[in-house]
């Protein structure tokens, strides 16, 4: 049985949709990351939740890439 968190195609789809939504004028996650890089002045709890929500698909994608590269392989 294949777990959803290990489904590469689904994770890529999540990155392209939830991760980057809304797309205009710039992807939401990029705006939040710029805000954090600028010192995160004025960020409220909802803004941090937004970063987690839009960033989680990318964390799962990085996890899958590291597993496929053998970083988390069995010893």
PDB file of N, CA and C in Angstrom:
ATOM      1  N   UNK A   1       0.842  -1.178   0.000  1.00  0.00           N
ATOM      2  CA  UNK A   1       0.000   0.000   0.000  1.00  0.00           C
ATOM      3  C   UNK A   1       0.887   1.241   0.000  1.00  0.00           C
ATOM      4  N   UNK A   2       0.622   2.141  -0.938  1.00  0.00           N
ATOM      5  CA  UNK A   2       1.420   3.346  -1.076  1.00  0.00           C
ATOM      6  C   UNK A   2       0.828   4.473  -0.242  1.00  0.00           C
ATOM      7  N   UNK A   3       1.665   5.099   0.549  1.00  0.00           N
ATOM      8  CA  UNK A   3       1.203   6.217   1.366  1.00  0.00           C
ATOM      9  C   UNK A   3       1.131   7.487   0.530  1.00  0.00           C
ATOM     10  N   UNK A   4       0.213   8.353   0.876  1.00  0.00           N
ATOM     11  CA  UNK A   4       0.023   9.607   0.147  1.00  0.00           C
ATOM     12  C   UNK A   4       1.266  10.485   0.255  1.00  0.00           C
ATOM     13  N   UNK A   5       1.911  10.526   1.418  1.00  0.00           N
ATOM     14  CA  UNK A   5       3.089  11.378   1.586  1.00  0.00           C
ATOM     15  C   UNK A   5       4.288  10.887   0.788  1.00  0.00           C
ATOM     16  N   UNK A   6       4.206   9.693   0.221  1.00  0.00           N
ATOM     17  CA  UNK A   6       5.283   9.153  -0.606  1.00  0.00           C
ATOM     18  C   UNK A   6       4.945   9.167  -2.091  1.00  0.00           C
ATOM     19  N   UNK A   7       3.811   9.737  -2.455  1.00  0.00           N
ATOM     20  CA  UNK A   7       3.379   9.800  -3.852  1.00  0.00           C
ATOM     21  C   UNK A   7       4.002  11.031  -4.517  1.00  0.00           C
ATOM     22  N   UNK A   8       5.051  10.813  -5.299  1.00  0.00           N
ATOM     23  CA  UNK A   8       5.807  11.907  -5.906  1.00  0.00           C
ATOM     24  C   UNK A   8       4.943  12.784  -6.795  1.00  0.00           C
ATOM     25  N   UNK A   9       4.111  12.181  -7.611  1.00  0.00           N
ATOM     26  CA  UNK A   9       3.272  12.964  -8.529  1.00  0.00           C
ATOM     27  C   UNK A   9       2.298  13.861  -7.768  1.00  0.00           C
ATOM     28  N   UNK A  10       1.713  13.344  -6.715  1.00  0.00           N
ATOM     29  CA  UNK A  10       0.785  14.135  -5.910  1.00  0.00           C
ATOM     30  C   UNK A  10       1.506  15.288  -5.212  1.00  0.00           C
ATOM     31  N   UNK A  11       2.686  15.037  -4.689  1.00  0.00           N
ATOM     32  CA  UNK A  11       3.450  16.077  -3.998  1.00  0.00           C
ATOM     33  C   UNK A  11       3.845  17.179  -4.973  1.00  0.00           C
ATOM     34  N   UNK A  12       4.251  16.822  -6.182  1.00  0.00           N
ATOM     35  CA  UNK A  12       4.585  17.835  -7.191  1.00  0.00           C
ATOM     36  C   UNK A  12       3.352  18.651  -7.545  1.00  0.00           C
ATOM     37  N   UNK A  13       2.208  17.993  -7.676  1.00  0.00           N
ATOM     38  CA  UNK A  13       0.960  18.706  -7.947  1.00  0.00           C
ATOM     39  C   UNK A  13       0.621  19.668  -6.813  1.00  0.00           C
ATOM     40  N   UNK A  14       0.814  19.238  -5.575  1.00  0.00           N
ATOM     41  CA  UNK A  14       0.570  20.108  -4.426  1.00  0.00           C
ATOM     42  C   UNK A  14       1.508  21.315  -4.430  1.00  0.00           C
ATOM     43  N   UNK A  15       2.764  21.102  -4.794  1.00  0.00           N
ATOM     44  CA  UNK A  15       3.723  22.210  -4.862  1.00  0.00           C
ATOM     45  C   UNK A  15       3.300  23.230  -5.911  1.00  0.00           C
ATOM     46  N   UNK A  16       2.845  22.737  -7.052  1.00  0.00           N
ATOM     47  CA  UNK A  16       2.465  23.638  -8.137  1.00  0.00           C
ATOM     48  C   UNK A  16       1.141  24.349  -7.889  1.00  0.00           C
ATOM     49  N   UNK A  17       0.283  23.778  -7.072  1.00  0.00           N
ATOM     50  CA  UNK A  17      -1.017  24.404  -6.817  1.00  0.00           C
ATOM     51  C   UNK A  17      -1.020  25.103  -5.460  1.00  0.00           C
ATOM     52  N   UNK A  18      -1.077  24.359  -4.387  1.00  0.00           N
ATOM     53  CA  UNK A  18      -1.140  24.945  -3.050  1.00  0.00           C
ATOM     54  C   UNK A  18       0.134  25.711  -2.709  1.00  0.00           C
ATOM     55  N   UNK A  19       1.262  25.184  -3.101  1.00  0.00           N
ATOM     56  CA  UNK A  19       2.533  25.820  -2.766  1.00  0.00           C
ATOM     57  C   UNK A  19       2.710  27.196  -3.370  1.00  0.00           C
ATOM     58  N   UNK A  20       2.276  27.379  -4.609  1.00  0.00           N
ATOM     59  CA  UNK A  20       2.470  28.652  -5.286  1.00  0.00           C
ATOM     60  C   UNK A  20       1.222  29.534  -5.325  1.00  0.00           C
ATOM     61  N   UNK A  21       0.073  29.025  -4.913  1.00  0.00           N
ATOM     62  CA  UNK A  21      -1.170  29.803  -4.998  1.00  0.00           C
ATOM     63  C   UNK A  21      -1.169  30.933  -3.986  1.00  0.00           C
ATOM     64  N   UNK A  22      -1.785  32.067  -4.227  1.00  0.00           N
ATOM     65  CA  UNK A  22      -2.209  32.570  -5.529  1.00  0.00           C
ATOM     66  C   UNK A  22      -0.993  32.950  -6.373  1.00  0.00           C
ATOM     67  N   UNK A  23      -1.142  32.872  -7.662  1.00  0.00           N
ATOM     68  CA  UNK A  23      -0.018  33.018  -8.582  1.00  0.00           C
ATOM     69  C   UNK A  23       0.325  34.465  -8.921  1.00  0.00           C
ATOM     70  N   UNK A  24      -0.657  35.358  -8.876  1.00  0.00           N
ATOM     71  CA  UNK A  24      -0.429  36.748  -9.281  1.00  0.00           C
ATOM     72  C   UNK A  24      -0.715  37.687  -8.131  1.00  0.00           C
ATOM     73  N   UNK A  25       0.025  38.709  -7.901  1.00  0.00           N
ATOM     74  CA  UNK A  25       1.131  39.250  -8.693  1.00  0.00           C
ATOM     75  C   UNK A  25       2.437  38.470  -8.514  1.00  0.00           C
ATOM     76  N   UNK A  26       2.577  37.741  -7.427  1.00  0.00           N
ATOM     77  CA  UNK A  26       3.703  36.824  -7.248  1.00  0.00           C
ATOM     78  C   UNK A  26       3.215  35.659  -6.401  1.00  0.00           C
ATOM     79  N   UNK A  27       3.864  34.502  -6.523  1.00  0.00           N
ATOM     80  CA  UNK A  27       3.457  33.372  -5.681  1.00  0.00           C
ATOM     81  C   UNK A  27       3.495  33.739  -4.200  1.00  0.00           C
ATOM     82  N   UNK A  28       2.488  33.319  -3.483  1.00  0.00           N
ATOM     83  CA  UNK A  28       2.287  33.702  -2.094  1.00  0.00           C
ATOM     84  C   UNK A  28       3.471  33.310  -1.211  1.00  0.00           C
ATOM     85  N   UNK A  29       3.996  32.110  -1.412  1.00  0.00           N
ATOM     86  CA  UNK A  29       5.100  31.642  -0.571  1.00  0.00           C
ATOM     87  C   UNK A  29       6.340  32.491  -0.786  1.00  0.00           C
ATOM     88  N   UNK A  30       6.571  32.952  -2.012  1.00  0.00           N
ATOM     89  CA  UNK A  30       7.739  33.794  -2.270  1.00  0.00           C
ATOM     90  C   UNK A  30       7.619  35.132  -1.555  1.00  0.00           C
ATOM     91  N   UNK A  31       6.417  35.700  -1.534  1.00  0.00           N
ATOM     92  CA  UNK A  31       6.192  36.948  -0.809  1.00  0.00           C
ATOM     93  C   UNK A  31       6.445  36.787   0.678  1.00  0.00           C
ATOM     94  N   UNK A  32       5.983  35.672   1.232  1.00  0.00           N
ATOM     95  CA  UNK A  32       6.194  35.413   2.661  1.00  0.00           C
ATOM     96  C   UNK A  32       7.668  35.183   2.968  1.00  0.00           C
ATOM     97  N   UNK A  33       8.372  34.460   2.094  1.00  0.00           N
ATOM     98  CA  UNK A  33       9.799  34.224   2.321  1.00  0.00           C
ATOM     99  C   UNK A  33      10.597  35.521   2.219  1.00  0.00           C
ATOM    100  N   UNK A  34      10.219  36.400   1.316  1.00  0.00           N
ATOM    101  CA  UNK A  34      10.865  37.717   1.231  1.00  0.00           C
ATOM    102  C   UNK A  34      10.617  38.506   2.513  1.00  0.00           C
ATOM    103  N   UNK A  35       9.402  38.414   3.025  1.00  0.00           N
ATOM    104  CA  UNK A  35       9.043  39.111   4.255  1.00  0.00           C
ATOM    105  C   UNK A  35       9.891  38.599   5.424  1.00  0.00           C
ATOM    106  N   UNK A  36      10.052  37.282   5.519  1.00  0.00           N
ATOM    107  CA  UNK A  36      10.870  36.689   6.576  1.00  0.00           C
ATOM    108  C   UNK A  36      12.333  37.088   6.403  1.00  0.00           C
ATOM    109  N   UNK A  37      12.819  37.060   5.160  1.00  0.00           N
ATOM    110  CA  UNK A  37      14.209  37.438   4.893  1.00  0.00           C
ATOM    111  C   UNK A  37      14.462  38.906   5.240  1.00  0.00           C
ATOM    112  N   UNK A  38      13.423  39.717   5.163  1.00  0.00           N
ATOM    113  CA  UNK A  38      13.542  41.124   5.501  1.00  0.00           C
ATOM    114  C   UNK A  38      13.403  41.403   6.989  1.00  0.00           C
ATOM    115  N   UNK A  39      13.304  40.383   7.801  1.00  0.00           N
ATOM    116  CA  UNK A  39      13.240  40.567   9.241  1.00  0.00           C
ATOM    117  C   UNK A  39      11.911  40.190   9.856  1.00  0.00           C
ATOM    118  N   UNK A  40      10.920  39.881   9.051  1.00  0.00           N
ATOM    119  CA  UNK A  40       9.598  39.435   9.519  1.00  0.00           C
ATOM    120  C   UNK A  40       8.912  40.469  10.407  1.00  0.00           C
ATOM    121  N   UNK A  41       9.211  41.736  10.179  1.00  0.00           N
ATOM    122  CA  UNK A  41       8.587  42.795  10.967  1.00  0.00           C
ATOM    123  C   UNK A  41       7.100  42.882  10.668  1.00  0.00           C
ATOM    124  N   UNK A  42       6.297  42.811  11.699  1.00  0.00           N
ATOM    125  CA  UNK A  42       4.853  42.925  11.550  1.00  0.00           C
ATOM    126  C   UNK A  42       4.140  41.635  11.209  1.00  0.00           C
ATOM    127  N   UNK A  43       4.856  40.514  11.190  1.00  0.00           N
ATOM    128  CA  UNK A  43       4.188  39.239  10.884  1.00  0.00           C
ATOM    129  C   UNK A  43       3.373  38.786  12.089  1.00  0.00           C
ATOM    130  N   UNK A  44       2.148  38.420  11.819  1.00  0.00           N
ATOM    131  CA  UNK A  44       1.256  37.906  12.851  1.00  0.00           C
ATOM    132  C   UNK A  44       1.232  36.382  12.794  1.00  0.00           C
ATOM    133  N   UNK A  45       0.528  35.775  13.733  1.00  0.00           N
ATOM    134  CA  UNK A  45       0.426  34.318  13.781  1.00  0.00           C
ATOM    135  C   UNK A  45      -0.165  33.758  12.488  1.00  0.00           C
ATOM    136  N   UNK A  46      -1.146  34.426  11.922  1.00  0.00           N
ATOM    137  CA  UNK A  46      -1.764  33.952  10.678  1.00  0.00           C
ATOM    138  C   UNK A  46      -0.768  33.951   9.525  1.00  0.00           C
ATOM    139  N   UNK A  47       0.181  34.886   9.534  1.00  0.00           N
ATOM    140  CA  UNK A  47       1.203  34.921   8.489  1.00  0.00           C
ATOM    141  C   UNK A  47       2.159  33.741   8.616  1.00  0.00           C
ATOM    142  N   UNK A  48       2.507  33.386   9.845  1.00  0.00           N
ATOM    143  CA  UNK A  48       3.369  32.220  10.057  1.00  0.00           C
ATOM    144  C   UNK A  48       2.639  30.934   9.672  1.00  0.00           C
ATOM    145  N   UNK A  49       1.346  30.870   9.968  1.00  0.00           N
ATOM    146  CA  UNK A  49       0.540  29.716   9.557  1.00  0.00           C
ATOM    147  C   UNK A  49       0.515  29.612   8.035  1.00  0.00           C
ATOM    148  N   UNK A  50       0.423  30.751   7.372  1.00  0.00           N
ATOM    149  CA  UNK A  50       0.454  30.799   5.912  1.00  0.00           C
ATOM    150  C   UNK A  50       1.756  30.228   5.358  1.00  0.00           C
ATOM    151  N   UNK A  51       2.869  30.568   5.992  1.00  0.00           N
ATOM    152  CA  UNK A  51       4.168  30.051   5.559  1.00  0.00           C
ATOM    153  C   UNK A  51       4.194  28.527   5.691  1.00  0.00           C
ATOM    154  N   UNK A  52       3.694  28.023   6.802  1.00  0.00           N
ATOM    155  CA  UNK A  52       3.659  26.572   7.018  1.00  0.00           C
ATOM    156  C   UNK A  52       2.730  25.910   6.004  1.00  0.00           C
ATOM    157  N   UNK A  53       1.554  26.490   5.799  1.00  0.00           N
ATOM    158  CA  UNK A  53       0.577  25.908   4.878  1.00  0.00           C
ATOM    159  C   UNK A  53       1.107  25.842   3.447  1.00  0.00           C
ATOM    160  N   UNK A  54       1.662  26.934   2.965  1.00  0.00           N
ATOM    161  CA  UNK A  54       2.143  26.971   1.587  1.00  0.00           C
ATOM    162  C   UNK A  54       3.509  26.309   1.429  1.00  0.00           C
ATOM    163  N   UNK A  55       4.262  26.179   2.518  1.00  0.00           N
ATOM    164  CA  UNK A  55       5.583  25.578   2.443  1.00  0.00           C
ATOM    165  C   UNK A  55       5.623  24.081   2.659  1.00  0.00           C
ATOM    166  N   UNK A  56       4.578  23.525   3.262  1.00  0.00           N
ATOM    167  CA  UNK A  56       4.577  22.096   3.581  1.00  0.00           C
ATOM    168  C   UNK A  56       4.736  21.184   2.355  1.00  0.00           C
ATOM    169  N   UNK A  57       4.087  21.469   1.221  1.00  0.00           N
ATOM    170  CA  UNK A  57       4.323  20.603   0.054  1.00  0.00           C
ATOM    171  C   UNK A  57       5.786  20.582  -0.382  1.00  0.00           C
ATOM    172  N   UNK A  58       6.485  21.699  -0.242  1.00  0.00           N
ATOM    173  CA  UNK A  58       7.895  21.743  -0.618  1.00  0.00           C
ATOM    174  C   UNK A  58       8.752  20.943   0.363  1.00  0.00           C
ATOM    175  N   UNK A  59       8.379  20.942   1.627  1.00  0.00           N
ATOM    176  CA  UNK A  59       9.082  20.123   2.620  1.00  0.00           C
ATOM    177  C   UNK A  59       8.914  18.647   2.279  1.00  0.00           C
ATOM    178  N   UNK A  60       7.688  18.251   1.898  1.00  0.00           N
ATOM    179  CA  UNK A  60       7.462  16.859   1.503  1.00  0.00           C
ATOM    180  C   UNK A  60       8.256  16.503   0.249  1.00  0.00           C
ATOM    181  N   UNK A  61       8.350  17.443  -0.711  1.00  0.00           N
ATOM    182  CA  UNK A  61       9.106  17.196  -1.936  1.00  0.00           C
ATOM    183  C   UNK A  61      10.593  17.028  -1.631  1.00  0.00           C
ATOM    184  N   UNK A  62      11.131  17.873  -0.777  1.00  0.00           N
ATOM    185  CA  UNK A  62      12.540  17.745  -0.382  1.00  0.00           C
ATOM    186  C   UNK A  62      12.773  16.410   0.307  1.00  0.00           C
ATOM    187  N   UNK A  63      11.830  15.994   1.146  1.00  0.00           N
ATOM    188  CA  UNK A  63      11.923  14.705   1.837  1.00  0.00           C
ATOM    189  C   UNK A  63      11.986  13.550   0.835  1.00  0.00           C
ATOM    190  N   UNK A  64      11.107  13.586  -0.173  1.00  0.00           N
ATOM    191  CA  UNK A  64      11.085  12.526  -1.186  1.00  0.00           C
ATOM    192  C   UNK A  64      12.391  12.501  -1.974  1.00  0.00           C
ATOM    193  N   UNK A  65      12.904  13.681  -2.325  1.00  0.00           N
ATOM    194  CA  UNK A  65      14.166  13.749  -3.069  1.00  0.00           C
ATOM    195  C   UNK A  65      15.302  13.155  -2.244  1.00  0.00           C
ATOM    196  N   UNK A  66      15.349  13.494  -0.956  1.00  0.00           N
ATOM    197  CA  UNK A  66      16.412  12.953  -0.099  1.00  0.00           C
ATOM    198  C   UNK A  66      16.293  11.439   0.060  1.00  0.00           C
ATOM    199  N   UNK A  67      15.074  10.933   0.128  1.00  0.00           N
ATOM    200  CA  UNK A  67      14.877   9.482   0.221  1.00  0.00           C
ATOM    201  C   UNK A  67      15.356   8.806  -1.052  1.00  0.00           C
ATOM    202  N   UNK A  68      15.024   9.386  -2.206  1.00  0.00           N
ATOM    203  CA  UNK A  68      15.437   8.784  -3.483  1.00  0.00           C
ATOM    204  C   UNK A  68      16.945   8.868  -3.690  1.00  0.00           C
ATOM    205  N   UNK A  69      17.589   9.889  -3.102  1.00  0.00           N
ATOM    206  CA  UNK A  69      19.039   9.997  -3.194  1.00  0.00           C
ATOM    207  C   UNK A  69      19.748   9.064  -2.215  1.00  0.00           C
ATOM    208  N   UNK A  70      19.000   8.473  -1.304  1.00  0.00           N
ATOM    209  CA  UNK A  70      19.570   7.527  -0.369  1.00  0.00           C
ATOM    210  C   UNK A  70      20.068   8.151   0.928  1.00  0.00           C
ATOM    211  N   UNK A  71      19.748   9.418   1.153  1.00  0.00           N
ATOM    212  CA  UNK A  71      20.199  10.072   2.377  1.00  0.00           C
ATOM    213  C   UNK A  71      19.550   9.431   3.596  1.00  0.00           C
ATOM    214  N   UNK A  72      18.276   9.052   3.472  1.00  0.00           N
ATOM    215  CA  UNK A  72      17.546   8.428   4.569  1.00  0.00           C
ATOM    216  C   UNK A  72      17.440   6.917   4.369  1.00  0.00           C
ATOM    217  N   UNK A  73      18.370   6.342   3.629  1.00  0.00           N
ATOM    218  CA  UNK A  73      18.320   4.921   3.335  1.00  0.00           C
ATOM    219  C   UNK A  73      18.582   4.068   4.568  1.00  0.00           C
ATOM    220  N   UNK A  74      18.292   2.794   4.433  1.00  0.00           N
ATOM    221  CA  UNK A  74      18.509   1.847   5.526  1.00  0.00           C
ATOM    222  C   UNK A  74      20.003   1.583   5.668  1.00  0.00           C
ATOM    223  N   UNK A  75      20.431   1.398   6.892  1.00  0.00           N
ATOM    224  CA  UNK A  75      21.861   1.150   7.154  1.00  0.00           C
ATOM    225  C   UNK A  75      22.123  -0.304   7.418  1.00  0.00           C
TER     226      UNK A  75
END
